[in-house]
Amino acid sequence: MFDFLRGLAILVAFYLLGMLLHRWGVPIPGGVLGLLLLYFALLSGIVNFHWVERAAGFLLRHMVLLFIPLTVGLMDMGGLLSRQALAIFASLLVSFLAVLLTTGLLGRWLFTQNGDAEISQ
């Protein structure tokens, strides 16, 4: 139980540190900044992976529950979403195609750089 609480405290501390840095003017969202700080702390050995493994696994297993408030909020904004449906759909389509093309081209480039596989055109 102590391992879980220690891991949860570390994860929350990095989240709060990211939020604090964002509030002080760092132009990256606090949650993303906290995640980056945790990543670099894990890489450098400041934080041991085993300290946060159980708490992170628990949060990942129950991630669906964390999206319930977002879903309820979206249902409450149904009128606004329906008025902006065309713009939302267009932005989703453009971003999907951008990610698809970027991933495909990067994969092709990586395969040809490593010589692992021949990609025919």
Protein backbone atom coordinates (compact mmCIF):
# COMPACT_ATOMS: atom_id res chain seq x y z
CA MET A 1 0.00 0.00 0.00
CA PHE A 2 2.88 2.36 0.78
CA ASP A 3 4.33 1.83 -2.70
CA PHE A 4 1.04 2.83 -4.29
CA LEU A 5 0.65 5.96 -2.17
CA ARG A 6 4.26 6.98 -2.75
CA GLY A 7 3.81 6.58 -6.51
CA LEU A 8 0.56 8.51 -6.49
CA ALA A 9 2.16 11.30 -4.46
CA ILE A 10 5.05 11.50 -6.95
CA LEU A 11 2.67 11.64 -9.93
CA VAL A 12 0.51 14.31 -8.30
CA ALA A 13 3.60 16.31 -7.31
CA PHE A 14 4.86 16.38 -10.90
CA TYR A 15 1.41 17.37 -12.13
CA LEU A 16 1.21 20.20 -9.62
CA LEU A 17 4.75 21.31 -10.47
CA GLY A 18 3.78 21.49 -14.13
CA MET A 19 0.67 23.50 -13.29
CA LEU A 20 2.72 25.88 -11.14
CA LEU A 21 5.28 26.42 -13.88
CA HIS A 22 2.48 27.04 -16.39
CA ARG A 23 0.93 29.58 -14.05
CA TRP A 24 4.33 31.32 -13.83
CA GLY A 25 4.31 31.81 -17.60
CA VAL A 26 5.72 28.68 -19.26
CA PRO A 27 3.70 28.45 -22.50
CA ILE A 28 3.05 24.68 -22.24
CA PRO A 29 -0.10 23.24 -20.63
CA GLY A 30 0.55 22.28 -17.01
CA GLY A 31 -0.37 18.61 -17.41
CA VAL A 32 1.93 18.21 -20.41
CA LEU A 33 4.72 20.08 -18.64
CA GLY A 34 4.38 17.85 -15.57
CA LEU A 35 4.50 14.77 -17.78
CA LEU A 36 7.66 16.02 -19.49
CA LEU A 37 9.28 16.76 -16.13
CA LEU A 38 8.39 13.26 -14.90
CA TYR A 39 9.82 11.75 -18.09
CA PHE A 40 13.13 13.55 -17.66
CA ALA A 41 13.21 12.66 -13.95
CA LEU A 42 12.76 9.01 -14.89
CA LEU A 43 15.47 9.23 -17.54
CA SER A 44 17.95 10.89 -15.21
CA GLY A 45 17.28 8.47 -12.35
CA ILE A 46 15.89 11.09 -9.96
CA VAL A 47 12.66 9.06 -9.86
CA ASN A 48 12.83 5.27 -9.93
CA PHE A 49 10.34 3.63 -12.33
CA HIS A 50 9.27 1.11 -9.68
CA TRP A 51 8.19 3.94 -7.38
CA VAL A 52 5.44 5.07 -9.79
CA GLU A 53 4.66 1.83 -11.64
CA ARG A 54 1.74 0.64 -9.48
CA ALA A 55 0.03 4.03 -9.26
CA ALA A 56 0.45 4.71 -12.98
CA GLY A 57 -0.91 1.26 -13.83
CA PHE A 58 -3.93 1.85 -11.62
CA LEU A 59 -4.64 5.22 -13.24
CA LEU A 60 -4.27 3.75 -16.73
CA ARG A 61 -6.63 0.86 -15.94
CA HIS A 62 -9.30 3.29 -14.74
CA MET A 63 -8.70 6.05 -17.28
CA VAL A 64 -12.20 5.66 -18.75
CA LEU A 65 -13.70 6.93 -15.48
CA LEU A 66 -11.63 10.11 -15.80
CA PHE A 67 -13.39 10.97 -19.08
CA ILE A 68 -16.91 10.94 -17.61
CA PRO A 69 -16.88 14.65 -16.59
CA LEU A 70 -15.65 15.59 -20.06
CA THR A 71 -18.41 13.57 -21.71
CA VAL A 72 -21.09 15.12 -19.50
CA GLY A 73 -19.72 18.58 -20.30
CA LEU A 74 -19.87 17.86 -24.03
CA MET A 75 -23.46 16.67 -23.74
CA ASP A 76 -24.32 19.94 -22.00
CA MET A 77 -22.85 21.89 -24.95
CA GLY A 78 -24.88 20.07 -27.62
CA GLY A 79 -26.33 23.24 -29.15
CA LEU A 80 -22.94 24.86 -29.61
CA LEU A 81 -21.46 21.67 -31.04
CA SER A 82 -24.28 21.28 -33.53
CA ARG A 83 -23.87 24.89 -34.74
CA GLN A 84 -20.12 24.37 -35.20
CA ALA A 85 -20.36 20.81 -36.58
CA LEU A 86 -18.94 21.64 -40.02
CA ALA A 87 -15.91 23.46 -38.61
CA ILE A 88 -15.28 20.69 -36.07
CA PHE A 89 -15.55 17.99 -38.73
CA ALA A 90 -13.21 19.88 -41.09
CA SER A 91 -10.57 20.37 -38.40
CA LEU A 92 -10.80 16.71 -37.38
CA LEU A 93 -10.42 15.60 -40.99
CA VAL A 94 -7.44 17.87 -41.66
CA SER A 95 -5.67 16.87 -38.45
CA PHE A 96 -6.33 13.16 -39.12
CA LEU A 97 -4.87 13.42 -42.62
CA ALA A 98 -1.87 15.39 -41.34
CA VAL A 99 -1.08 12.75 -38.72
CA LEU A 100 -1.65 9.92 -41.21
CA LEU A 101 0.66 11.44 -43.82
CA THR A 102 3.32 12.42 -41.30
CA THR A 103 3.36 8.94 -39.77
CA GLY A 104 3.46 7.22 -43.15
CA LEU A 105 6.21 9.42 -44.55
CA LEU A 106 8.26 9.17 -41.35
CA GLY A 107 7.87 5.39 -41.36
CA ARG A 108 8.96 5.18 -44.98
CA TRP A 109 11.97 7.41 -44.28
CA LEU A 110 12.98 5.40 -41.19
CA PHE A 111 12.74 2.09 -43.05
CA THR A 112 14.91 3.35 -45.89
CA GLN A 113 17.43 4.90 -43.48
CA ASN A 114 17.85 1.71 -41.46
CA GLY A 115 17.83 -0.60 -44.44
CA ASP A 116 15.54 -2.98 -42.56
CA ALA A 117 12.97 -3.27 -45.28
CA GLU A 118 12.49 -2.28 -48.87
CA ILE A 119 9.33 -0.25 -49.43
CA SER A 120 8.06 -0.43 -52.97
CA GLN A 121 6.19 2.39 -54.54
